C-alpha atoms as a PDB file:
ATOM      1  CA  MET A   1     122.067 191.956  26.704  1.00  0.00           C
ATOM      2  CA  LYS A   2     122.754 195.570  26.959  1.00  0.00           C
ATOM      3  CA  CYS A   3     120.879 198.507  28.432  1.00  0.00           C
ATOM      4  CA  ILE A   4     121.815 201.868  29.221  1.00  0.00           C
ATOM      5  CA  LYS A   5     120.985 202.504  33.001  1.00  0.00           C
ATOM      6  CA  HIS A   6     121.209 206.294  33.425  1.00  0.00           C
ATOM      7  CA  VAL A   7     123.454 209.377  31.990  1.00  0.00           C
ATOM      8  CA  ILE A   8     124.450 212.003  34.428  1.00  0.00           C
ATOM      9  CA  LEU A   9     126.124 215.526  33.344  1.00  0.00           C
ATOM     10  CA  GLN A  10     128.452 216.372  36.603  1.00  0.00           C
ATOM     11  CA  GLY A  11     130.186 219.627  36.038  1.00  0.00           C
ATOM     12  CA  ASN A  12     132.038 219.147  32.741  1.00  0.00           C
ATOM     13  CA  ILE A  13     132.088 215.501  33.178  1.00  0.00           C
ATOM     14  CA  LEU A  14     129.610 213.125  31.630  1.00  0.00           C
ATOM     15  CA  LEU A  15     128.862 210.037  33.332  1.00  0.00           C
ATOM     16  CA  ARG A  16     127.087 207.039  31.201  1.00  0.00           C
ATOM     17  CA  GLU A  17     126.497 203.658  33.085  1.00  0.00           C
ATOM     18  CA  GLU A  18     125.576 200.688  30.901  1.00  0.00           C
ATOM     19  CA  LYS A  19     124.891 197.065  32.019  1.00  0.00           C
ATOM     20  CA  PHE A  20     125.399 194.375  30.000  1.00  0.00           C
ATOM     21  CA  MET A  21     126.371 190.356  30.624  1.00  0.00           C
ATOM     22  CA  VAL A  22     129.529 188.280  29.595  1.00  0.00           C
ATOM     23  CA  ASN A  23     130.789 184.761  30.933  1.00  0.00           C
ATOM     24  CA  GLU A  24     134.107 185.005  32.898  1.00  0.00           C
ATOM     25  CA  TYR A  25     135.813 183.163  35.809  1.00  0.00           C
ATOM     26  CA  CYS A  26     134.543 183.902  39.178  1.00  0.00           C
ATOM     27  CA  PRO A  27     137.039 183.070  42.100  1.00  0.00           C
ATOM     28  CA  LYS A  28     134.378 183.099  44.782  1.00  0.00           C
ATOM     29  CA  CYS A  29     132.021 180.647  43.118  1.00  0.00           C
ATOM     30  CA  ASN A  30     134.931 178.659  41.751  1.00  0.00           C
ATOM     31  CA  GLU A  31     133.110 178.449  38.187  1.00  0.00           C
ATOM     32  CA  LEU A  32     132.477 180.058  34.818  1.00  0.00           C
ATOM     33  CA  ALA A  33     129.518 182.549  35.649  1.00  0.00           C
ATOM     34  CA  ASN A  34     127.575 185.417  33.984  1.00  0.00           C
ATOM     35  CA  MET A  35     129.385 188.877  35.055  1.00  0.00           C
ATOM     36  CA  MET A  36     127.491 192.085  35.235  1.00  0.00           C
ATOM     37  CA  VAL A  37     129.588 194.482  33.286  1.00  0.00           C
ATOM     38  CA  ASP A  38     129.110 198.058  34.211  1.00  0.00           C
ATOM     39  CA  THR A  39     130.583 200.747  31.962  1.00  0.00           C
ATOM     40  CA  ILE A  40     131.138 204.266  32.969  1.00  0.00           C
ATOM     41  CA  GLU A  41     132.320 206.933  30.518  1.00  0.00           C
ATOM     42  CA  ARG A  42     133.917 210.060  31.332  1.00  0.00           C
ATOM     43  CA  VAL A  43     134.963 212.914  29.643  1.00  0.00           C
ATOM     44  CA  GLU A  44     138.262 214.353  30.851  1.00  0.00           C
ATOM     45  CA  LYS A  45     140.829 216.830  29.514  1.00  0.00           C
ATOM     46  CA  ASP A  46     144.678 216.191  29.381  1.00  0.00           C
ATOM     47  CA  ASP A  47     147.504 218.738  30.813  1.00  0.00           C
ATOM     48  CA  LYS A  48     147.022 220.515  27.073  1.00  0.00           C
ATOM     49  CA  GLY A  49     143.404 221.217  27.525  1.00  0.00           C
ATOM     50  CA  LYS A  50     142.574 218.169  24.821  1.00  0.00           C
ATOM     51  CA  LYS A  51     139.100 216.219  25.792  1.00  0.00           C
ATOM     52  CA  PHE A  52     139.346 212.621  25.718  1.00  0.00           C
ATOM     53  CA  LYS A  53     137.140 209.685  26.974  1.00  0.00           C
ATOM     54  CA  VAL A  54     137.772 207.095  29.636  1.00  0.00           C
ATOM     55  CA  LEU A  55     135.865 204.022  29.552  1.00  0.00           C
ATOM     56  CA  THR A  56     135.766 202.174  32.751  1.00  0.00           C
ATOM     57  CA  ASN A  57     134.283 198.240  32.430  1.00  0.00           C
ATOM     58  CA  SER A  58     133.584 196.976  36.166  1.00  0.00           C
ATOM     59  CA  TYR A  59     133.001 193.193  36.025  1.00  0.00           C
ATOM     60  CA  HIS A  60     130.832 191.698  38.873  1.00  0.00           C
ATOM     61  CA  CYS A  61     129.744 188.146  39.501  1.00  0.00           C
ATOM     62  CA  ASN A  62     125.883 187.550  38.602  1.00  0.00           C
ATOM     63  CA  LYS A  63     125.513 184.847  41.355  1.00  0.00           C
ATOM     64  CA  CYS A  64     127.563 186.370  44.319  1.00  0.00           C
ATOM     65  CA  ASN A  65     128.141 190.093  43.362  1.00  0.00           C
ATOM     66  CA  LEU A  66     131.681 189.717  43.746  1.00  0.00           C
ATOM     67  CA  PHE A  67     133.945 192.278  42.184  1.00  0.00           C
ATOM     68  CA  VAL A  68     136.207 190.589  39.727  1.00  0.00           C
ATOM     69  CA  ARG A  69     138.058 192.993  38.099  1.00  0.00           C
ATOM     70  CA  SER A  70     137.855 196.409  35.984  1.00  0.00           C
ATOM     71  CA  GLU A  71     139.575 197.740  32.974  1.00  0.00           C
ATOM     72  CA  ASP A  72     140.270 201.336  31.661  1.00  0.00           C
ATOM     73  CA  LYS A  73     140.230 202.459  27.981  1.00  0.00           C
ATOM     74  CA  ARG A  74     141.360 205.876  26.635  1.00  0.00           C
ATOM     75  CA  VAL A  75     139.478 207.018  23.667  1.00  0.00           C
ATOM     76  CA  ALA A  76     140.309 210.102  21.667  1.00  0.00           C
ATOM     77  CA  ILE A  77     137.534 212.849  20.886  1.00  0.00           C
ATOM     78  CA  GLU A  78     137.405 214.429  17.405  1.00  0.00           C
ATOM     79  CA  ASP A  79     137.320 217.983  17.447  1.00  0.00           C
ATOM     80  CA  GLU A  80     134.060 219.587  16.710  1.00  0.00           C
ATOM     81  CA  GLN A  81     133.498 222.105  14.110  1.00  0.00           C
END
């Protein structure tokens, strides 16, 4: 299950939040549970001014809403011509 929640343009940074579900262990529920995964996409610049995307996935338990973990992924953006 996947749906885009909202898109916000904040200065030069595009924030896109998506939600989808995966199964993962919840330490509070002490069992395998569905996780809500929020994905935030940011466009940033490095020291040389080159743009790249940072995708951040945050995992929360669907039963108790406990934050379980997050992960960042850096993705290169190809030059637009």
